[in-house]
């Protein structure tokens, strides 16, 4: 067929697809497009669901997209996102509590606060890749359509979001089942250990723990009912990535005939694509090491993705009628500046933006689609394309990716991309990294900016310049004053080197690694009224602890009656809380000391 004939066919198919908004639309004289049939050129839809990246962390610098290159730090000021390495040392928390903390009532300013954010001295939660780090993902986004308002459905991790990709619901689950083993051995669904549970959170904020095996309807059930072919390509039981095989959580599929005939190994996908034998609807799930899930290499994950897409493009017939939806399942703990809208279950919906690329001969070329989508939009697109009924209210009311397509355009040629050579060593770029340091000279008392003289752990002295907006914290994030930092304390500073003065660093926020908020109970060893000090023998420790009192410290006894320092007897049992320096075994900034019992 000539290119002119292909273009003419595309135009006819495109106009028909626009008109085919319901089942049974006329295709012309004597022809109708019934349930389970496509009126347009798209005969195959592939959903590729990768792991744990936010939109800004991957495409925050993409031209024309609503991206950000800055974040709000603990000092309340904007700072540049750091350069994200190919690999992280460990995962960043993306559990519901971590997501809500980062969300911070739509302020989107506490990503640095979530567990795992700080790695090797760099705030990696507030970091992003550049084009050079992900050139093939960038090429796909640049040549096809990038959706920049595609929100994960659940404000949280992988498990519930993967359920939405097959069913447009998840029984109000908002978290992962507990990780007992590893990706190589974990089971999260109906064949999980009987004691395994997952949290369910209803719109009225009631929670309970339930076994992660459900019987709600899925898109696969609709496809079966209309004799539409489908396969779920995923790692097998006890293989890495099996936790993301979502049909394992659907009882009637896990223990029914579909499990044997439709849920198949992920390694079969490329062969089926190259042979032109992909079913009408495919889901593709990958093993952990190529999933883009931190700490795995993004380069290795990108290469794997390119191999799968290249397999489709290597078969001209397959490519000519395929739409690929490449998305990521949740934010992974990484920064995004767009606050998600509230969903039907406002307690858990919606989640942060995730990157989504629409790849097809009919995807709009070099286009950024600003339409709001969620994972239910993928199912809505399948339902619209093949004239299928909705599963429920969410996919029924969602938009169906239509704005990312132009069925009137000349079909795009395949874009087969080369794989890259991945580095085996990856360390955080030093852009926001300041060496560990030890305080030599504290800040002068009084307001305004402060300069701390420090000994840099890698050698030499330096200056940490705290701006008027800089914040100082004990470990992990307890606010303190710079004057509370003691000479000899180990410091971790975040900011940027001063480009005009070697050894000087402009600090956004500072953490004293030796100080933390704590409480302690113990028996009095001695009282030094002249120096406002009490030394105690802690109940659960052997080393004596010094409690340094100040003018603001209150000492109370039974029924909270005031007690004079000189009246505190030796061997009395007391409890205190405040700022504790583990290096000097001293309590500082003690608001109250309570005498629990005195010796008889």
Protein backbone atom coordinates (compact mmCIF):
# COMPACT_ATOMS: atom_id res chain seq x y z
CA UNK A 1 0.00 0.00 0.00
CA UNK A 2 1.34 3.46 -0.91
CA UNK A 3 1.92 6.19 1.69
CA UNK A 4 -0.90 8.19 0.10
CA UNK A 5 -3.30 5.27 0.52
CA UNK A 6 -2.16 4.78 4.14
CA UNK A 7 -2.75 8.45 4.84
CA UNK A 8 -6.21 8.30 3.28
CA UNK A 9 -7.06 5.23 5.35
CA UNK A 10 -5.82 6.99 8.46
CA UNK A 11 -8.08 9.94 7.77
CA UNK A 12 -11.12 7.72 7.29
CA UNK A 13 -10.31 5.73 10.42
CA UNK A 14 -9.67 8.92 12.38
CA UNK A 15 -12.97 10.52 11.43
CA UNK A 16 -14.73 7.27 12.26
CA UNK A 17 -12.98 7.02 15.63
CA UNK A 18 -14.08 10.54 16.52
CA UNK A 19 -17.66 9.66 15.62
CA UNK A 20 -17.61 6.31 17.38
CA UNK A 21 -18.45 7.44 20.88
CA UNK A 22 -20.84 4.59 21.63
CA UNK A 23 -21.38 0.96 20.84
CA UNK A 24 -22.83 0.14 17.43
CA UNK A 25 -21.81 3.24 15.48
CA UNK A 26 -22.33 2.88 11.73
CA UNK A 27 -19.15 2.30 9.70
CA UNK A 28 -20.84 2.93 6.39
CA UNK A 29 -23.22 1.01 4.18
CA UNK A 30 -23.88 -2.37 5.73
CA UNK A 31 -21.17 -1.98 8.37
CA UNK A 32 -21.41 -1.38 12.09
CA UNK A 33 -18.81 -1.19 14.82
CA UNK A 34 -20.05 -3.39 17.64
CA UNK A 35 -18.94 -4.03 21.20
CA UNK A 36 -15.38 -5.31 21.32
CA UNK A 37 -14.51 -3.85 17.93
CA UNK A 38 -12.42 -0.80 17.01
CA UNK A 39 -13.73 1.75 14.51
CA UNK A 40 -10.29 3.24 13.99
CA UNK A 41 -6.71 2.27 13.21
CA UNK A 42 -5.85 1.31 16.79
CA UNK A 43 -6.28 -2.45 17.10
CA UNK A 44 -3.78 -3.05 19.93
CA UNK A 45 -3.27 -1.17 23.18
CA UNK A 46 -0.23 -1.82 25.38
CA UNK A 47 -0.05 -0.54 28.97
CA UNK A 48 3.55 -0.47 30.24
CA UNK A 49 3.53 0.22 33.98
CA UNK A 50 6.96 1.12 35.38
CA UNK A 51 7.97 2.14 38.88
CA UNK A 52 8.36 5.05 41.24
CA UNK A 53 9.10 8.34 39.48
CA UNK A 54 7.41 11.71 39.68
CA UNK A 55 6.89 13.98 36.70
CA UNK A 56 9.31 16.68 37.86
CA UNK A 57 11.99 14.13 38.71
CA UNK A 58 12.06 12.96 35.08
CA UNK A 59 10.64 15.75 32.91
CA UNK A 60 10.81 18.87 35.07
CA UNK A 61 13.10 20.47 32.46
CA UNK A 62 11.13 19.33 29.39
CA UNK A 63 10.32 22.26 27.03
CA UNK A 64 6.64 23.19 27.01
CA UNK A 65 5.74 20.97 29.97
CA UNK A 66 4.54 22.17 33.35
CA UNK A 67 7.76 21.24 35.10
CA UNK A 68 9.82 22.70 37.90
CA UNK A 69 13.55 22.95 38.52
CA UNK A 70 13.18 24.30 42.07
CA UNK A 71 11.69 23.13 45.36
CA UNK A 72 10.77 24.66 48.70
CA UNK A 73 13.37 23.81 51.34
CA UNK A 74 13.07 23.71 55.13
CA UNK A 75 13.93 27.41 55.18
CA UNK A 76 10.76 28.18 53.21
CA UNK A 77 12.77 29.40 50.22
CA UNK A 78 13.09 28.12 46.65
CA UNK A 79 16.23 26.14 45.82
CA UNK A 80 17.34 24.31 42.67
CA UNK A 81 16.55 20.61 42.50
CA UNK A 82 19.75 18.58 42.78
CA UNK A 83 21.00 16.40 39.95
CA UNK A 84 19.72 12.86 40.44
CA UNK A 85 22.21 10.00 40.00
CA UNK A 86 21.55 6.92 37.90
CA UNK A 87 21.30 4.79 41.04
CA UNK A 88 20.36 5.60 44.60
CA UNK A 89 21.81 3.92 47.65
CA UNK A 90 18.34 2.92 48.84
CA UNK A 91 14.67 3.52 48.22
CA UNK A 92 12.88 6.67 49.36
CA UNK A 93 9.71 6.12 51.34
CA UNK A 94 6.52 6.52 49.32
CA UNK A 95 4.12 5.05 51.84
CA UNK A 96 0.86 6.94 52.50
CA UNK A 97 2.30 8.72 55.54
CA UNK A 98 5.34 9.85 53.56
CA UNK A 99 3.14 11.04 50.69
CA UNK A 100 0.89 13.02 53.03
CA UNK A 101 3.95 14.54 54.69
CA UNK A 102 5.36 15.64 51.32
CA UNK A 103 1.92 16.90 50.24
CA UNK A 104 1.65 19.09 53.38
CA UNK A 105 -1.89 20.32 52.75
CA UNK A 106 -1.17 21.03 49.07
CA UNK A 107 1.96 23.08 49.85
CA UNK A 108 4.17 20.36 48.30
CA UNK A 109 7.12 21.41 50.46
CA UNK A 110 8.10 18.51 52.70
CA UNK A 111 9.66 15.97 50.34
CA UNK A 112 13.02 16.56 52.03
CA UNK A 113 11.41 15.44 55.30
CA UNK A 114 10.32 11.92 54.29
CA UNK A 115 12.40 8.86 55.30
CA UNK A 116 15.21 8.10 52.88
CA UNK A 117 15.20 11.58 51.32
CA UNK A 118 18.76 12.38 52.41
CA UNK A 119 21.37 10.01 51.01
CA UNK A 120 25.15 10.53 51.21
CA UNK A 121 24.49 14.10 52.23
CA UNK A 122 22.29 14.98 49.26
CA UNK A 123 18.56 15.65 49.28
CA UNK A 124 17.64 13.11 46.62
CA UNK A 125 13.90 13.41 47.15
CA UNK A 126 14.26 16.91 45.73
CA UNK A 127 16.25 15.92 42.66
CA UNK A 128 15.72 15.38 38.96
CA UNK A 129 17.24 13.88 35.84
CA UNK A 130 18.44 15.93 32.92
CA UNK A 131 17.89 15.08 29.26
CA UNK A 132 21.38 13.54 29.09
CA UNK A 133 20.49 11.11 31.90
CA UNK A 134 17.41 9.66 30.17
CA UNK A 135 17.98 10.43 26.45
CA UNK A 136 15.73 7.66 25.13
CA UNK A 137 12.80 8.43 27.41
CA UNK A 138 13.33 12.04 26.36
CA UNK A 139 13.32 11.10 22.65
CA UNK A 140 10.07 9.20 23.01
CA UNK A 141 8.49 12.15 24.81
CA UNK A 142 9.84 14.61 22.25
CA UNK A 143 8.70 12.67 19.17
CA UNK A 144 5.33 11.52 20.46
CA UNK A 145 3.05 12.87 23.23
CA UNK A 146 4.02 13.64 26.81
CA UNK A 147 1.13 13.96 29.30
CA UNK A 148 2.07 16.42 32.03
CA UNK A 149 -1.11 16.23 34.11
CA UNK A 150 -1.32 12.49 34.52
CA UNK A 151 -1.88 11.80 38.23
CA UNK A 152 -1.39 8.51 40.00
CA UNK A 153 -4.69 7.50 41.52
CA UNK A 154 -3.60 6.80 45.10
CA UNK A 155 -1.51 9.13 47.27
CA UNK A 156 0.90 6.37 48.13
CA UNK A 157 2.81 3.39 46.78
CA UNK A 158 2.73 0.72 44.07
CA UNK A 159 0.21 -1.91 45.10
CA UNK A 160 -3.02 0.14 45.07
CA UNK A 161 -2.02 2.08 41.96
CA UNK A 162 -1.34 -1.12 40.02
CA UNK A 163 -4.84 -2.33 40.91
CA UNK A 164 -6.30 0.78 39.26
CA UNK A 165 -4.46 -0.08 36.06
CA UNK A 166 -6.52 -3.29 35.73
CA UNK A 167 -9.81 -2.43 37.45
CA UNK A 168 -10.28 1.36 37.90
CA UNK A 169 -10.70 0.63 41.61
CA UNK A 170 -8.81 -0.95 44.50
CA UNK A 171 -11.38 -1.49 47.29
CA UNK A 172 -10.06 1.70 48.99
CA UNK A 173 -6.65 0.17 49.67
CA UNK A 174 -4.01 2.87 50.19
CA UNK A 175 -0.77 1.03 50.95
CA UNK A 176 1.49 -1.90 50.13
CA UNK A 177 1.23 -5.17 51.99
CA UNK A 178 4.25 -5.53 54.29
CA UNK A 179 7.49 -6.53 52.64
CA UNK A 180 8.58 -9.73 54.36
CA UNK A 181 11.14 -11.06 51.92
CA UNK A 182 12.48 -9.47 48.76
CA UNK A 183 11.33 -8.87 45.20
CA UNK A 184 12.67 -12.33 44.45
CA UNK A 185 10.36 -14.09 46.91
CA UNK A 186 7.53 -11.75 47.89
CA UNK A 187 3.85 -12.50 47.25
CA UNK A 188 1.30 -9.74 47.75
CA UNK A 189 -1.96 -11.16 46.41
CA UNK A 190 -4.24 -14.14 46.89
CA UNK A 191 -1.33 -16.55 47.36
CA UNK A 192 0.27 -14.41 50.08
CA UNK A 193 0.83 -15.73 53.57
CA UNK A 194 -2.51 -16.04 55.43
CA UNK A 195 -1.37 -13.49 58.01
CA UNK A 196 -0.60 -10.79 55.45
CA UNK A 197 -2.89 -7.75 55.41
CA UNK A 198 -3.12 -4.38 53.72
CA UNK A 199 -4.72 -1.15 54.92
CA UNK A 200 -8.14 -0.14 53.64
CA UNK A 201 -9.15 3.51 54.20
CA UNK A 202 -12.73 4.59 53.45
CA UNK A 203 -13.88 8.12 52.53
CA UNK A 204 -14.99 8.72 56.13
CA UNK A 205 -11.40 7.88 57.24
CA UNK A 206 -12.16 4.52 58.80
CA UNK A 207 -9.35 2.01 58.44
CA UNK A 208 -9.00 -1.72 58.79
CA UNK A 209 -6.57 -4.42 57.76
CA UNK A 210 -7.77 -6.85 55.08
CA UNK A 211 -6.28 -9.79 53.21
CA UNK A 212 -5.06 -8.62 49.76
CA UNK A 213 -7.31 -10.91 47.70
CA UNK A 214 -10.39 -9.36 46.07
CA UNK A 215 -13.20 -10.34 43.76
CA UNK A 216 -14.16 -7.04 42.14
CA UNK A 217 -14.63 -6.80 38.39
CA UNK A 218 -11.64 -5.95 36.21
CA UNK A 219 -11.13 -4.85 32.64
CA UNK A 220 -10.09 -8.42 31.87
CA UNK A 221 -13.58 -9.60 32.81
CA UNK A 222 -15.12 -7.10 30.39
CA UNK A 223 -12.71 -8.20 27.66
CA UNK A 224 -13.59 -11.84 28.29
CA UNK A 225 -17.30 -11.10 28.09
CA UNK A 226 -16.89 -9.44 24.69
CA UNK A 227 -14.38 -11.99 23.33
CA UNK A 228 -11.60 -9.43 23.15
CA UNK A 229 -8.12 -10.95 23.39
CA UNK A 230 -5.78 -9.89 26.20
CA UNK A 231 -2.61 -10.90 28.00
CA UNK A 232 -0.94 -9.79 31.18
CA UNK A 233 2.83 -10.15 30.69
CA UNK A 234 4.49 -10.24 34.11
CA UNK A 235 7.12 -12.01 36.23
CA UNK A 236 6.00 -15.39 37.53
CA UNK A 237 5.56 -16.39 41.14
CA UNK A 238 8.74 -16.03 43.21
CA UNK A 239 10.44 -14.01 40.47
CA UNK A 240 11.58 -10.43 40.93
CA UNK A 241 8.67 -8.12 40.19
CA UNK A 242 5.94 -10.63 40.99
CA UNK A 243 4.62 -8.22 43.63
CA UNK A 244 3.41 -5.99 40.76
CA UNK A 245 1.50 -8.81 39.02
CA UNK A 246 -1.86 -7.35 39.93
CA UNK A 247 -4.13 -10.16 38.78
CA UNK A 248 -2.62 -12.20 41.61
CA UNK A 249 -4.91 -10.08 43.82
CA UNK A 250 -8.09 -10.93 41.91
CA UNK A 251 -9.41 -14.22 43.29
CA UNK A 252 -11.51 -15.36 40.34
CA UNK A 253 -8.61 -14.77 37.97
CA UNK A 254 -5.79 -16.06 40.18
CA UNK A 255 -7.67 -19.32 40.74
CA UNK A 256 -9.53 -19.41 37.42
CA UNK A 257 -8.70 -20.43 33.83
CA UNK A 258 -7.49 -16.92 32.88
CA UNK A 259 -4.43 -17.35 35.10
CA UNK A 260 -3.14 -20.12 32.86
CA UNK A 261 -4.23 -18.74 29.49
CA UNK A 262 -3.86 -14.97 29.84
CA UNK A 263 -1.27 -14.25 32.57
CA UNK A 264 2.05 -15.10 30.93
CA UNK A 265 5.77 -14.50 31.44
CA UNK A 266 7.09 -11.01 30.75
CA UNK A 267 9.87 -12.39 28.53
CA UNK A 268 7.28 -13.44 25.93
CA UNK A 269 6.22 -9.86 25.20
CA UNK A 270 9.06 -8.85 22.86
CA UNK A 271 8.76 -12.07 20.86
CA UNK A 272 4.99 -11.66 20.47
CA UNK A 273 5.42 -8.02 19.47
CA UNK A 274 8.09 -8.78 16.87
CA UNK A 275 5.97 -11.61 15.47
CA UNK A 276 2.90 -9.36 15.25
CA UNK A 277 0.87 -11.59 17.57
CA UNK A 278 0.13 -9.19 20.42
CA UNK A 279 -3.45 -9.49 21.70
CA UNK A 280 -5.88 -6.60 21.54
CA UNK A 281 -4.98 -5.43 25.05
CA UNK A 282 -1.64 -6.08 26.75
CA UNK A 283 -0.26 -5.15 30.14
CA UNK A 284 3.49 -5.38 30.62
CA UNK A 285 5.16 -5.60 34.04
CA UNK A 286 8.91 -5.93 34.49
CA UNK A 287 11.37 -7.43 36.98
CA UNK A 288 12.74 -5.18 39.71
CA UNK A 289 16.23 -4.59 38.31
CA UNK A 290 14.85 -2.97 35.13
CA UNK A 291 11.75 -1.37 36.66
CA UNK A 292 13.21 2.13 37.29
CA UNK A 293 12.40 1.48 40.97
CA UNK A 294 15.15 2.97 43.18
CA UNK A 295 17.81 1.96 43.93
CA UNK A 296 17.89 0.24 40.50
CA UNK A 297 19.63 1.94 37.57
CA UNK A 298 17.42 4.22 35.45
CA UNK A 299 19.74 3.50 32.51
CA UNK A 300 19.14 -0.25 32.78
CA UNK A 301 15.40 0.33 33.09
CA UNK A 302 15.36 2.63 30.09
CA UNK A 303 17.26 0.07 27.99
CA UNK A 304 14.74 -2.64 28.87
CA UNK A 305 11.84 -0.35 27.96
CA UNK A 306 13.45 0.53 24.65
CA UNK A 307 13.87 -3.17 23.81
CA UNK A 308 10.16 -3.80 24.30
CA UNK A 309 9.09 -0.78 22.25
CA UNK A 310 11.63 -1.54 19.53
CA UNK A 311 10.13 -5.03 19.27
CA UNK A 312 6.74 -3.50 18.45
CA UNK A 313 8.26 -1.06 15.99
CA UNK A 314 10.26 -3.82 14.28
CA UNK A 315 7.01 -5.24 12.88
CA UNK A 316 5.45 -2.62 10.56
CA UNK A 317 2.02 -4.22 10.67
CA UNK A 318 2.01 -4.38 14.46
CA UNK A 319 3.28 -0.81 14.83
CA UNK A 320 0.74 0.59 12.37
CA UNK A 321 -2.18 -0.35 14.64
CA UNK A 322 -0.74 -0.03 18.16
CA UNK A 323 -0.98 2.53 20.94
CA UNK A 324 1.54 2.23 23.76
CA UNK A 325 0.86 3.90 27.12
CA UNK A 326 4.17 4.16 28.99
CA UNK A 327 3.59 5.28 32.57
CA UNK A 328 5.03 5.01 36.07
CA UNK A 329 2.97 3.73 38.98
CA UNK A 330 3.68 6.24 41.78
CA UNK A 331 5.90 9.17 42.76
CA UNK A 332 8.55 7.05 44.48
CA UNK A 333 9.25 9.74 47.09
CA UNK A 334 10.44 12.23 44.46
CA UNK A 335 9.43 15.88 44.27
CA UNK A 336 6.62 17.25 42.15
CA UNK A 337 5.37 20.82 42.37
CA UNK A 338 1.73 20.27 41.26
CA UNK A 339 -0.70 19.54 44.08
CA UNK A 340 -3.02 16.72 43.01
CA UNK A 341 -6.78 17.36 42.95
CA UNK A 342 -9.05 15.55 45.36
CA UNK A 343 -10.62 12.35 44.08
CA UNK A 344 -13.84 10.55 45.01
CA UNK A 345 -12.12 9.15 48.10
CA UNK A 346 -10.44 12.35 49.20
CA UNK A 347 -8.58 10.52 51.97
CA UNK A 348 -6.42 8.66 49.47
CA UNK A 349 -7.03 10.19 46.02
CA UNK A 350 -5.43 11.52 43.91
CA UNK A 351 -1.70 10.87 44.03
CA UNK A 352 1.16 12.94 42.66
CA UNK A 353 1.84 13.36 38.95
CA UNK A 354 3.70 10.57 37.18
CA UNK A 355 5.33 10.72 33.73
CA UNK A 356 3.23 9.28 30.93
CA UNK A 357 4.22 9.02 27.26
CA UNK A 358 1.76 8.07 24.52
CA UNK A 359 3.59 6.27 21.70
CA UNK A 360 1.73 5.45 18.49
CA UNK A 361 1.62 6.30 14.79
CA UNK A 362 -1.36 8.46 15.79
CA UNK A 363 0.01 10.04 18.96
CA UNK A 364 0.28 13.78 18.48
CA UNK A 365 3.80 14.57 17.39
CA UNK A 366 6.10 16.58 19.63
CA UNK A 367 3.13 17.45 21.79
CA UNK A 368 2.57 18.06 25.49
CA UNK A 369 -0.97 17.18 26.54
CA UNK A 370 -2.12 19.25 29.54
CA UNK A 371 -5.38 17.31 30.02
CA UNK A 372 -5.90 15.78 33.46
CA UNK A 373 -5.67 11.99 33.39
CA UNK A 374 -5.35 9.18 35.92
CA UNK A 375 -4.84 5.42 35.64
CA UNK A 376 -8.58 5.08 35.06
CA UNK A 377 -8.05 7.12 31.88
CA UNK A 378 -6.07 4.23 30.41
CA UNK A 379 -9.02 1.91 30.94
CA UNK A 380 -11.41 4.54 29.61
CA UNK A 381 -9.30 4.72 26.45
CA UNK A 382 -9.55 0.94 26.02
CA UNK A 383 -13.30 1.08 26.61
CA UNK A 384 -13.79 3.90 24.11
CA UNK A 385 -11.56 2.34 21.47
CA UNK A 386 -13.28 -1.05 21.59
CA UNK A 387 -16.75 0.11 22.60
CA UNK A 388 -16.88 -1.58 25.96
CA UNK A 389 -18.96 -0.74 29.03
CA UNK A 390 -17.43 1.06 32.00
CA UNK A 391 -16.34 -0.81 35.09
CA UNK A 392 -17.48 1.84 37.54
CA UNK A 393 -17.87 5.53 38.26
CA UNK A 394 -14.19 6.45 38.06
CA UNK A 395 -13.46 5.20 34.55
CA UNK A 396 -16.94 6.31 33.48
CA UNK A 397 -16.20 9.94 34.40
CA UNK A 398 -12.49 10.00 33.52
CA UNK A 399 -11.18 11.45 30.29
CA UNK A 400 -9.85 8.80 27.94
CA UNK A 401 -6.50 10.01 26.55
CA UNK A 402 -8.19 11.22 23.37
CA UNK A 403 -6.42 14.58 23.44
CA UNK A 404 -3.08 12.79 23.09
CA UNK A 405 -4.05 11.41 19.67
CA UNK A 406 -4.63 12.85 16.21
CA UNK A 407 -6.22 10.22 13.98
CA UNK A 408 -6.18 12.60 11.02
CA UNK A 409 -2.41 12.99 10.93
CA UNK A 410 -0.08 11.07 8.63
CA UNK A 411 0.95 8.00 10.66
CA UNK A 412 4.33 8.42 12.34
CA UNK A 413 7.15 6.14 11.34
CA UNK A 414 8.73 3.81 13.92
CA UNK A 415 11.41 5.37 16.12
CA UNK A 416 13.75 2.55 17.00
CA UNK A 417 16.24 3.80 19.57
CA UNK A 418 19.69 2.44 20.45
CA UNK A 419 20.37 1.04 23.89
CA UNK A 420 22.98 2.79 26.02
CA UNK A 421 26.06 1.58 27.85
CA UNK A 422 25.26 1.99 31.54
CA UNK A 423 27.87 3.01 34.06
CA UNK A 424 28.45 0.53 36.87
CA UNK A 425 29.28 3.29 39.34
CA UNK A 426 26.88 6.02 40.29
CA UNK A 427 27.26 8.62 43.02
CA UNK A 428 25.22 11.74 43.70
CA UNK A 429 26.41 14.79 41.83
CA UNK A 430 28.07 17.33 44.13
CA UNK A 431 25.89 20.30 43.16
CA UNK A 432 24.09 20.44 46.52
CA UNK A 433 26.63 18.49 48.55
CA UNK A 434 28.65 20.13 51.31
CA UNK A 435 31.27 18.03 53.14
CA UNK A 436 30.54 16.80 56.63
CA UNK A 437 32.03 19.24 59.12
CA UNK A 438 32.72 19.74 62.81
CA UNK A 439 31.85 23.02 64.48
CA UNK A 440 34.88 24.99 65.63
CA UNK A 441 33.41 28.37 66.45
CA UNK A 442 29.69 28.88 67.11
CA UNK A 443 27.57 31.66 65.69
CA UNK A 444 27.63 35.00 67.41
CA UNK A 445 24.57 35.72 69.52
CA UNK A 446 21.91 38.05 68.16
CA UNK A 447 19.69 38.07 65.11
CA UNK A 448 20.52 38.22 61.44
CA UNK A 449 22.70 35.96 59.30
CA UNK A 450 25.27 33.75 61.03
CA UNK A 451 28.65 32.37 59.95
CA UNK A 452 29.86 29.12 61.51
CA UNK A 453 33.55 28.29 61.43
CA UNK A 454 33.96 24.56 60.84
CA UNK A 455 36.61 21.92 60.30
CA UNK A 456 35.79 20.10 57.06
CA UNK A 457 36.03 16.34 57.43
CA UNK A 458 37.97 16.00 54.18
CA UNK A 459 40.53 18.50 55.48
CA UNK A 460 40.92 22.20 56.10
CA UNK A 461 38.61 24.78 57.58
CA UNK A 462 35.51 26.32 56.10
CA UNK A 463 32.63 28.66 56.69
CA UNK A 464 28.96 27.76 56.72
CA UNK A 465 27.08 30.96 55.95
CA UNK A 466 23.51 30.75 57.25
CA UNK A 467 21.20 33.23 55.57
CA UNK A 468 18.41 34.91 57.47
CA UNK A 469 16.03 32.27 56.05
CA UNK A 470 18.22 29.26 56.87
CA UNK A 471 16.90 26.73 59.36
CA UNK A 472 18.86 24.70 61.89
CA UNK A 473 17.69 21.29 63.04
CA UNK A 474 18.61 18.62 65.50
CA UNK A 475 18.39 15.09 64.14
CA UNK A 476 16.20 14.39 62.32
CA UNK A 477 14.12 17.58 61.91
CA UNK A 478 13.65 19.17 65.35
CA UNK A 479 14.04 22.98 65.01
CA UNK A 480 16.81 24.55 67.08
CA UNK A 481 18.72 27.82 67.13
CA UNK A 482 22.27 28.06 65.71
CA UNK A 483 23.32 29.00 69.24
CA UNK A 484 22.31 25.50 70.39
CA UNK A 485 24.97 23.91 68.19
CA UNK A 486 27.97 23.05 70.36
CA UNK A 487 31.64 23.23 69.34
CA UNK A 488 32.74 19.71 68.42
CA UNK A 489 29.31 18.71 67.04
CA UNK A 490 29.16 17.02 63.64
CA UNK A 491 27.21 19.04 61.09
CA UNK A 492 25.51 18.18 57.81
CA UNK A 493 24.78 21.28 55.77
CA UNK A 494 22.64 21.58 52.65
CA UNK A 495 23.04 24.34 50.12
CA UNK A 496 25.65 25.25 47.53
CA UNK A 497 29.34 26.13 47.53
CA UNK A 498 30.06 29.84 47.31
CA UNK A 499 31.45 30.22 43.78
CA UNK A 500 33.49 33.28 44.79
CA UNK A 501 35.16 31.99 47.96
CA UNK A 502 36.76 28.58 48.39
CA UNK A 503 35.74 26.76 51.55
CA UNK A 504 32.66 28.92 52.03
CA UNK A 505 29.18 27.49 51.61
CA UNK A 506 25.81 29.20 51.38
CA UNK A 507 23.61 27.09 53.62
CA UNK A 508 19.86 26.61 53.23
CA UNK A 509 19.45 24.34 56.20
CA UNK A 510 21.74 22.71 58.74
CA UNK A 511 21.47 19.53 60.79
CA UNK A 512 23.37 18.87 64.00
CA UNK A 513 24.04 15.13 63.84
CA UNK A 514 24.92 14.92 67.55
CA UNK A 515 21.76 16.53 68.88
CA UNK A 516 18.22 15.21 68.88
CA UNK A 517 14.94 15.64 70.69
CA UNK A 518 14.74 13.04 73.44
CA UNK A 519 13.47 12.16 76.88
CA UNK A 520 15.10 10.18 79.65
CA UNK A 521 14.36 8.77 83.10
CA UNK A 522 16.98 8.17 85.78
CA UNK A 523 18.13 8.52 89.38
CA UNK A 524 19.93 11.63 90.58
CA UNK A 525 23.66 11.17 91.21
CA UNK A 526 24.49 14.78 92.06
CA UNK A 527 23.05 18.29 92.06
CA UNK A 528 25.27 21.29 91.21
CA UNK A 529 23.14 24.31 92.06
CA UNK A 530 26.01 26.73 91.40
CA UNK A 531 26.14 25.69 87.74
CA UNK A 532 22.46 24.70 87.35
CA UNK A 533 23.31 21.08 86.60
CA UNK A 534 21.98 17.69 87.61
CA UNK A 535 23.76 14.42 86.85
CA UNK A 536 21.63 11.29 86.62
CA UNK A 537 22.17 7.55 86.17
CA UNK A 538 19.68 6.60 83.41
CA UNK A 539 17.40 3.64 84.05
CA UNK A 540 18.38 1.90 80.81
CA UNK A 541 21.95 3.12 80.35
CA UNK A 542 25.22 2.83 82.20
CA UNK A 543 26.77 6.17 81.27
CA UNK A 544 25.83 9.17 83.47
CA UNK A 545 23.86 11.97 81.79
CA UNK A 546 24.21 15.66 82.57
CA UNK A 547 21.10 17.84 82.53
CA UNK A 548 21.95 21.49 82.00
CA UNK A 549 19.17 23.72 83.28
CA UNK A 550 18.53 27.32 82.29
CA UNK A 551 16.30 30.16 83.35
CA UNK A 552 13.37 28.70 81.41
CA UNK A 553 13.50 25.25 83.04
CA UNK A 554 10.77 24.40 85.53
CA UNK A 555 11.21 21.66 88.14
CA UNK A 556 7.99 20.09 89.39
CA UNK A 557 7.14 17.30 91.76
CA UNK A 558 3.95 15.54 92.79
CA UNK A 559 0.79 17.23 91.48
CA UNK A 560 3.09 19.50 89.43
CA UNK A 561 4.11 21.54 92.46
CA UNK A 562 7.27 23.61 91.94
CA UNK A 563 10.47 22.18 93.43
CA UNK A 564 13.65 24.17 94.05
CA UNK A 565 16.82 22.79 92.49
CA UNK A 566 18.47 22.65 95.91
CA UNK A 567 15.56 20.52 97.15
CA UNK A 568 16.08 17.72 94.62
CA UNK A 569 17.54 14.85 96.67
CA UNK A 570 20.20 12.38 95.59
CA UNK A 571 18.73 9.09 94.32
CA UNK A 572 15.43 10.75 93.41
CA UNK A 573 13.80 9.31 90.28
CA UNK A 574 13.31 12.06 87.69
CA UNK A 575 12.24 12.31 84.07
CA UNK A 576 13.31 15.00 81.64
CA UNK A 577 12.97 15.85 77.99
CA UNK A 578 14.64 18.36 75.74
CA UNK A 579 17.54 18.68 73.34
CA UNK A 580 20.00 15.86 73.96
CA UNK A 581 23.62 15.92 72.76
CA UNK A 582 24.74 12.30 72.35
CA UNK A 583 28.38 13.32 71.92
CA UNK A 584 28.61 15.05 75.31
CA UNK A 585 25.84 13.03 77.01
CA UNK A 586 24.20 16.30 77.99
CA UNK A 587 20.63 17.56 77.90
CA UNK A 588 20.24 21.16 76.72
CA UNK A 589 17.15 23.34 76.40
CA UNK A 590 15.20 21.44 79.05
CA UNK A 591 11.72 22.98 79.43
CA UNK A 592 10.68 20.85 82.40
CA UNK A 593 12.14 18.34 84.82
CA UNK A 594 9.73 16.17 86.81
CA UNK A 595 10.61 14.53 90.13
CA UNK A 596 8.70 11.24 90.03
CA UNK A 597 9.77 9.78 93.37
CA UNK A 598 12.12 10.59 96.22
CA UNK A 599 14.04 8.09 98.34
CA UNK A 600 12.30 7.04 101.55
